Structures are given as C-alpha cells and as structure tokens.
Amino acid sequence: MDDEIFNQSIRKFLKTVGVSSQHEIERAVRQAVAAGAITGSETFPLTMTLHIEGLDLEVTFGGELQLE
C-alpha cells in the first residue's frame, strides 16, 4: 500500500463529500424557508453515514444543524 496515494484519495473523497454536503444542506434549508416550512431559527439533528463496501465498514456520525 502506498500511504501517500491512500491519504490523497481519502482527502479527495472527504473534500468532495464536505463541499457537496454543504451545498445540499444550504439548498434544502433555503427551499424550506422560502416555502414557509421552517422559520429559519430551528436546530435540526443530523447524521452522516460512511459505508465502504469490501471493508465491512459502516459508521454513522451525528451532530446538530443550527440555523441561528
């Protein structure tokens, strides 16, 4: 295993996940506010699940999304 290639691959994946997730969350919140479904002052629980097929890995991370 080449540690440098391995680490670069992980970083690239995490950057893609981070940027894409942020855009999707922002879009969903803006749409919900515009539709009047939320006020924009809520806090939401959130989870992210990492699954790696072939490694028998599935880990869920949790947190909160605070709008104010």
PDB file of N, CA and C in Angstrom:
ATOM      1  N   MET A   1       0.847  -1.173   0.000  1.00  0.00           N
ATOM      2  CA  MET A   1       0.000   0.000   0.000  1.00  0.00           C
ATOM      3  C   MET A   1       0.894   1.238   0.000  1.00  0.00           C
ATOM      4  N   ASP A   2       0.522   2.208  -0.823  1.00  0.00           N
ATOM      5  CA  ASP A   2       1.250   3.471  -0.893  1.00  0.00           C
ATOM      6  C   ASP A   2       0.520   4.484  -0.013  1.00  0.00           C
ATOM      7  N   ASP A   3       1.106   4.827   1.122  1.00  0.00           N
ATOM      8  CA  ASP A   3       0.455   5.720   2.084  1.00  0.00           C
ATOM      9  C   ASP A   3       0.126   7.082   1.497  1.00  0.00           C
ATOM     10  N   GLU A   4       0.981   7.605   0.652  1.00  0.00           N
ATOM     11  CA  GLU A   4       0.724   8.924   0.064  1.00  0.00           C
ATOM     12  C   GLU A   4      -0.509   8.896  -0.839  1.00  0.00           C
ATOM     13  N   ILE A   5      -0.586   7.904  -1.701  1.00  0.00           N
ATOM     14  CA  ILE A   5      -1.748   7.768  -2.585  1.00  0.00           C
ATOM     15  C   ILE A   5      -3.002   7.510  -1.764  1.00  0.00           C
ATOM     16  N   PHE A   6      -2.892   6.669  -0.751  1.00  0.00           N
ATOM     17  CA  PHE A   6      -4.010   6.356   0.136  1.00  0.00           C
ATOM     18  C   PHE A   6      -4.538   7.627   0.813  1.00  0.00           C
ATOM     19  N   ASN A   7      -3.643   8.419   1.410  1.00  0.00           N
ATOM     20  CA  ASN A   7      -4.044   9.647   2.089  1.00  0.00           C
ATOM     21  C   ASN A   7      -4.630  10.676   1.124  1.00  0.00           C
ATOM     22  N   GLN A   8      -4.057  10.803  -0.059  1.00  0.00           N
ATOM     23  CA  GLN A   8      -4.594  11.725  -1.062  1.00  0.00           C
ATOM     24  C   GLN A   8      -6.004  11.317  -1.481  1.00  0.00           C
ATOM     25  N   SER A   9      -6.212  10.022  -1.631  1.00  0.00           N
ATOM     26  CA  SER A   9      -7.526   9.504  -2.016  1.00  0.00           C
ATOM     27  C   SER A   9      -8.570   9.810  -0.941  1.00  0.00           C
ATOM     28  N   ILE A  10      -8.199   9.615   0.312  1.00  0.00           N
ATOM     29  CA  ILE A  10      -9.111   9.918   1.420  1.00  0.00           C
ATOM     30  C   ILE A  10      -9.430  11.404   1.435  1.00  0.00           C
ATOM     31  N   ARG A  11      -8.415  12.248   1.341  1.00  0.00           N
ATOM     32  CA  ARG A  11      -8.630  13.700   1.377  1.00  0.00           C
ATOM     33  C   ARG A  11      -9.515  14.165   0.226  1.00  0.00           C
ATOM     34  N   LYS A  12      -9.300  13.621  -0.961  1.00  0.00           N
ATOM     35  CA  LYS A  12     -10.114  13.988  -2.124  1.00  0.00           C
ATOM     36  C   LYS A  12     -11.573  13.606  -1.892  1.00  0.00           C
ATOM     37  N   PHE A  13     -11.802  12.414  -1.382  1.00  0.00           N
ATOM     38  CA  PHE A  13     -13.165  11.969  -1.099  1.00  0.00           C
ATOM     39  C   PHE A  13     -13.821  12.855  -0.053  1.00  0.00           C
ATOM     40  N   LEU A  14     -13.111  13.139   1.044  1.00  0.00           N
ATOM     41  CA  LEU A  14     -13.681  13.949   2.114  1.00  0.00           C
ATOM     42  C   LEU A  14     -13.968  15.377   1.656  1.00  0.00           C
ATOM     43  N   LYS A  15     -13.123  15.926   0.800  1.00  0.00           N
ATOM     44  CA  LYS A  15     -13.368  17.265   0.261  1.00  0.00           C
ATOM     45  C   LYS A  15     -14.629  17.260  -0.589  1.00  0.00           C
ATOM     46  N   THR A  16     -14.786  16.253  -1.436  1.00  0.00           N
ATOM     47  CA  THR A  16     -15.988  16.135  -2.272  1.00  0.00           C
ATOM     48  C   THR A  16     -17.224  16.001  -1.407  1.00  0.00           C
ATOM     49  N   VAL A  17     -17.173  15.146  -0.407  1.00  0.00           N
ATOM     50  CA  VAL A  17     -18.309  14.947   0.489  1.00  0.00           C
ATOM     51  C   VAL A  17     -18.635  16.242   1.230  1.00  0.00           C
ATOM     52  N   GLY A  18     -17.621  16.914   1.747  1.00  0.00           N
ATOM     53  CA  GLY A  18     -17.839  18.142   2.504  1.00  0.00           C
ATOM     54  C   GLY A  18     -18.478  19.234   1.674  1.00  0.00           C
ATOM     55  N   VAL A  19     -17.934  19.498   0.501  1.00  0.00           N
ATOM     56  CA  VAL A  19     -18.451  20.561  -0.365  1.00  0.00           C
ATOM     57  C   VAL A  19     -19.849  20.202  -0.865  1.00  0.00           C
ATOM     58  N   SER A  20     -20.036  18.990  -1.331  1.00  0.00           N
ATOM     59  CA  SER A  20     -21.344  18.571  -1.857  1.00  0.00           C
ATOM     60  C   SER A  20     -22.404  18.574  -0.768  1.00  0.00           C
ATOM     61  N   SER A  21     -22.048  18.089   0.416  1.00  0.00           N
ATOM     62  CA  SER A  21     -22.992  18.068   1.528  1.00  0.00           C
ATOM     63  C   SER A  21     -23.401  19.472   1.924  1.00  0.00           C
ATOM     64  N   GLN A  22     -22.445  20.383   1.987  1.00  0.00           N
ATOM     65  CA  GLN A  22     -22.758  21.761   2.350  1.00  0.00           C
ATOM     66  C   GLN A  22     -23.726  22.376   1.349  1.00  0.00           C
ATOM     67  N   HIS A  23     -23.490  22.168   0.060  1.00  0.00           N
ATOM     68  CA  HIS A  23     -24.385  22.718  -0.961  1.00  0.00           C
ATOM     69  C   HIS A  23     -25.792  22.148  -0.836  1.00  0.00           C
ATOM     70  N   GLU A  24     -25.899  20.852  -0.615  1.00  0.00           N
ATOM     71  CA  GLU A  24     -27.206  20.216  -0.487  1.00  0.00           C
ATOM     72  C   GLU A  24     -27.961  20.709   0.748  1.00  0.00           C
ATOM     73  N   ILE A  25     -27.244  20.864   1.859  1.00  0.00           N
ATOM     74  CA  ILE A  25     -27.878  21.362   3.082  1.00  0.00           C
ATOM     75  C   ILE A  25     -28.355  22.795   2.882  1.00  0.00           C
ATOM     76  N   GLU A  26     -27.495  23.639   2.309  1.00  0.00           N
ATOM     77  CA  GLU A  26     -27.877  25.033   2.060  1.00  0.00           C
ATOM     78  C   GLU A  26     -29.104  25.115   1.158  1.00  0.00           C
ATOM     79  N   ARG A  27     -29.118  24.308   0.100  1.00  0.00           N
ATOM     80  CA  ARG A  27     -30.247  24.309  -0.838  1.00  0.00           C
ATOM     81  C   ARG A  27     -31.532  23.893  -0.132  1.00  0.00           C
ATOM     82  N   ALA A  28     -31.467  22.832   0.662  1.00  0.00           N
ATOM     83  CA  ALA A  28     -32.657  22.324   1.353  1.00  0.00           C
ATOM     84  C   ALA A  28     -33.187  23.343   2.361  1.00  0.00           C
ATOM     85  N   VAL A  29     -32.286  23.989   3.093  1.00  0.00           N
ATOM     86  CA  VAL A  29     -32.715  24.982   4.079  1.00  0.00           C
ATOM     87  C   VAL A  29     -33.347  26.183   3.378  1.00  0.00           C
ATOM     88  N   ARG A  30     -32.714  26.686   2.328  1.00  0.00           N
ATOM     89  CA  ARG A  30     -33.266  27.846   1.609  1.00  0.00           C
ATOM     90  C   ARG A  30     -34.637  27.529   1.012  1.00  0.00           C
ATOM     91  N   GLN A  31     -34.792  26.344   0.462  1.00  0.00           N
ATOM     92  CA  GLN A  31     -36.093  25.951  -0.100  1.00  0.00           C
ATOM     93  C   GLN A  31     -37.153  25.854   0.990  1.00  0.00           C
ATOM     94  N   ALA A  32     -36.801  25.281   2.130  1.00  0.00           N
ATOM     95  CA  ALA A  32     -37.762  25.135   3.223  1.00  0.00           C
ATOM     96  C   ALA A  32     -38.163  26.490   3.786  1.00  0.00           C
ATOM     97  N   VAL A  33     -37.210  27.414   3.903  1.00  0.00           N
ATOM     98  CA  VAL A  33     -37.533  28.765   4.374  1.00  0.00           C
ATOM     99  C   VAL A  33     -38.437  29.461   3.360  1.00  0.00           C
ATOM    100  N   ALA A  34     -38.099  29.371   2.091  1.00  0.00           N
ATOM    101  CA  ALA A  34     -38.889  30.021   1.041  1.00  0.00           C
ATOM    102  C   ALA A  34     -40.307  29.473   0.974  1.00  0.00           C
ATOM    103  N   ALA A  35     -40.452  28.179   1.244  1.00  0.00           N
ATOM    104  CA  ALA A  35     -41.772  27.543   1.202  1.00  0.00           C
ATOM    105  C   ALA A  35     -42.564  27.775   2.479  1.00  0.00           C
ATOM    106  N   GLY A  36     -41.918  28.362   3.486  1.00  0.00           N
ATOM    107  CA  GLY A  36     -42.593  28.588   4.765  1.00  0.00           C
ATOM    108  C   GLY A  36     -42.681  27.353   5.636  1.00  0.00           C
ATOM    109  N   ALA A  37     -41.944  26.308   5.256  1.00  0.00           N
ATOM    110  CA  ALA A  37     -41.974  25.062   6.028  1.00  0.00           C
ATOM    111  C   ALA A  37     -41.194  25.190   7.335  1.00  0.00           C
ATOM    112  N   ILE A  38     -40.212  26.082   7.355  1.00  0.00           N
ATOM    113  CA  ILE A  38     -39.447  26.365   8.567  1.00  0.00           C
ATOM    114  C   ILE A  38     -39.268  27.882   8.673  1.00  0.00           C
ATOM    115  N   THR A  39     -38.954  28.350   9.868  1.00  0.00           N
ATOM    116  CA  THR A  39     -38.796  29.793  10.078  1.00  0.00           C
ATOM    117  C   THR A  39     -37.369  30.269   9.844  1.00  0.00           C
ATOM    118  N   GLY A  40     -36.409  29.362   9.938  1.00  0.00           N
ATOM    119  CA  GLY A  40     -35.016  29.740   9.793  1.00  0.00           C
ATOM    120  C   GLY A  40     -34.316  29.906  11.121  1.00  0.00           C
ATOM    121  N   SER A  41     -35.005  29.553  12.197  1.00  0.00           N
ATOM    122  CA  SER A  41     -34.393  29.658  13.524  1.00  0.00           C
ATOM    123  C   SER A  41     -34.278  28.297  14.209  1.00  0.00           C
ATOM    124  N   GLU A  42     -34.579  27.249  13.484  1.00  0.00           N
ATOM    125  CA  GLU A  42     -34.598  25.896  14.055  1.00  0.00           C
ATOM    126  C   GLU A  42     -33.195  25.321  14.248  1.00  0.00           C
ATOM    127  N   THR A  43     -33.159  24.257  14.998  1.00  0.00           N
ATOM    128  CA  THR A  43     -31.988  23.393  15.120  1.00  0.00           C
ATOM    129  C   THR A  43     -32.442  21.992  14.747  1.00  0.00           C
ATOM    130  N   PHE A  44     -31.693  21.344  13.867  1.00  0.00           N
ATOM    131  CA  PHE A  44     -32.049  20.005  13.395  1.00  0.00           C
ATOM    132  C   PHE A  44     -30.962  19.003  13.754  1.00  0.00           C
ATOM    133  N   PRO A  45     -31.348  17.818  14.224  1.00  0.00           N
ATOM    134  CA  PRO A  45     -30.353  16.756  14.371  1.00  0.00           C
ATOM    135  C   PRO A  45     -29.976  16.262  12.973  1.00  0.00           C
ATOM    136  N   LEU A  46     -28.735  15.876  12.809  1.00  0.00           N
ATOM    137  CA  LEU A  46     -28.329  15.345  11.508  1.00  0.00           C
ATOM    138  C   LEU A  46     -27.381  14.186  11.692  1.00  0.00           C
ATOM    139  N   THR A  47     -27.349  13.331  10.692  1.00  0.00           N
ATOM    140  CA  THR A  47     -26.428  12.195  10.691  1.00  0.00           C
ATOM    141  C   THR A  47     -25.801  12.055   9.315  1.00  0.00           C
ATOM    142  N   MET A  48     -24.620  11.481   9.303  1.00  0.00           N
ATOM    143  CA  MET A  48     -23.918  11.159   8.068  1.00  0.00           C
ATOM    144  C   MET A  48     -23.392   9.744   8.250  1.00  0.00           C
ATOM    145  N   THR A  49     -23.643   8.891   7.269  1.00  0.00           N
ATOM    146  CA  THR A  49     -23.188   7.511   7.349  1.00  0.00           C
ATOM    147  C   THR A  49     -22.113   7.263   6.308  1.00  0.00           C
ATOM    148  N   LEU A  50     -21.016   6.688   6.754  1.00  0.00           N
ATOM    149  CA  LEU A  50     -19.914   6.303   5.876  1.00  0.00           C
ATOM    150  C   LEU A  50     -19.966   4.793   5.706  1.00  0.00           C
ATOM    151  N   HIS A  51     -20.040   4.364   4.464  1.00  0.00           N
ATOM    152  CA  HIS A  51     -20.075   2.928   4.164  1.00  0.00           C
ATOM    153  C   HIS A  51     -18.989   2.648   3.140  1.00  0.00           C
ATOM    154  N   ILE A  52     -18.126   1.689   3.446  1.00  0.00           N
ATOM    155  CA  ILE A  52     -17.100   1.277   2.492  1.00  0.00           C
ATOM    156  C   ILE A  52     -17.311  -0.198   2.188  1.00  0.00           C
ATOM    157  N   GLU A  53     -17.842  -0.425   0.991  1.00  0.00           N
ATOM    158  CA  GLU A  53     -18.081  -1.794   0.553  1.00  0.00           C
ATOM    159  C   GLU A  53     -16.749  -2.512   0.396  1.00  0.00           C
ATOM    160  N   GLY A  54     -16.685  -3.729   0.813  1.00  0.00           N
ATOM    161  CA  GLY A  54     -15.467  -4.518   0.709  1.00  0.00           C
ATOM    162  C   GLY A  54     -14.608  -4.448   1.961  1.00  0.00           C
ATOM    163  N   LEU A  55     -14.891  -3.475   2.839  1.00  0.00           N
ATOM    164  CA  LEU A  55     -14.144  -3.371   4.091  1.00  0.00           C
ATOM    165  C   LEU A  55     -15.028  -3.637   5.294  1.00  0.00           C
ATOM    166  N   ASP A  56     -16.286  -3.916   5.064  1.00  0.00           N
ATOM    167  CA  ASP A  56     -17.232  -4.171   6.143  1.00  0.00           C
ATOM    168  C   ASP A  56     -17.221  -3.015   7.144  1.00  0.00           C
ATOM    169  N   LEU A  57     -17.263  -1.787   6.592  1.00  0.00           N
ATOM    170  CA  LEU A  57     -17.255  -0.597   7.436  1.00  0.00           C
ATOM    171  C   LEU A  57     -18.524   0.201   7.215  1.00  0.00           C
ATOM    172  N   GLU A  58     -19.211   0.489   8.299  1.00  0.00           N
ATOM    173  CA  GLU A  58     -20.352   1.399   8.269  1.00  0.00           C
ATOM    174  C   GLU A  58     -20.357   2.129   9.607  1.00  0.00           C
ATOM    175  N   VAL A  59     -20.143   3.443   9.521  1.00  0.00           N
ATOM    176  CA  VAL A  59     -20.052   4.283  10.705  1.00  0.00           C
ATOM    177  C   VAL A  59     -20.985   5.470  10.506  1.00  0.00           C
ATOM    178  N   THR A  60     -21.765   5.788  11.544  1.00  0.00           N
ATOM    179  CA  THR A  60     -22.660   6.940  11.481  1.00  0.00           C
ATOM    180  C   THR A  60     -22.159   8.017  12.430  1.00  0.00           C
ATOM    181  N   PHE A  61     -22.111   9.235  11.926  1.00  0.00           N
ATOM    182  CA  PHE A  61     -21.694  10.385  12.699  1.00  0.00           C
ATOM    183  C   PHE A  61     -22.906  11.284  12.897  1.00  0.00           C
ATOM    184  N   GLY A  62     -23.029  11.884  14.062  1.00  0.00           N
ATOM    185  CA  GLY A  62     -24.181  12.726  14.346  1.00  0.00           C
ATOM    186  C   GLY A  62     -23.776  14.105  14.809  1.00  0.00           C
ATOM    187  N   GLY A  63     -24.723  15.007  14.719  1.00  0.00           N
ATOM    188  CA  GLY A  63     -24.486  16.373  15.165  1.00  0.00           C
ATOM    189  C   GLY A  63     -25.759  17.161  15.106  1.00  0.00           C
ATOM    190  N   GLU A  64     -25.617  18.473  15.121  1.00  0.00           N
ATOM    191  CA  GLU A  64     -26.756  19.381  15.039  1.00  0.00           C
ATOM    192  C   GLU A  64     -26.513  20.424  13.967  1.00  0.00           C
ATOM    193  N   LEU A  65     -27.572  20.774  13.280  1.00  0.00           N
ATOM    194  CA  LEU A  65     -27.556  21.853  12.302  1.00  0.00           C
ATOM    195  C   LEU A  65     -28.325  23.015  12.909  1.00  0.00           C
ATOM    196  N   GLN A  66     -27.620  24.076  13.287  1.00  0.00           N
ATOM    197  CA  GLN A  66     -28.248  25.236  13.912  1.00  0.00           C
ATOM    198  C   GLN A  66     -28.386  26.335  12.876  1.00  0.00           C
ATOM    199  N   LEU A  67     -29.597  26.869  12.751  1.00  0.00           N
ATOM    200  CA  LEU A  67     -29.836  27.929  11.784  1.00  0.00           C
ATOM    201  C   LEU A  67     -29.654  29.315  12.380  1.00  0.00           C
ATOM    202  N   GLU A  68     -29.725  29.410  13.692  1.00  0.00           N
ATOM    203  CA  GLU A  68     -29.471  30.678  14.384  1.00  0.00           C
ATOM    204  C   GLU A  68     -28.606  30.422  15.580  1.00  0.00           C
TER     205      GLU A  68
END
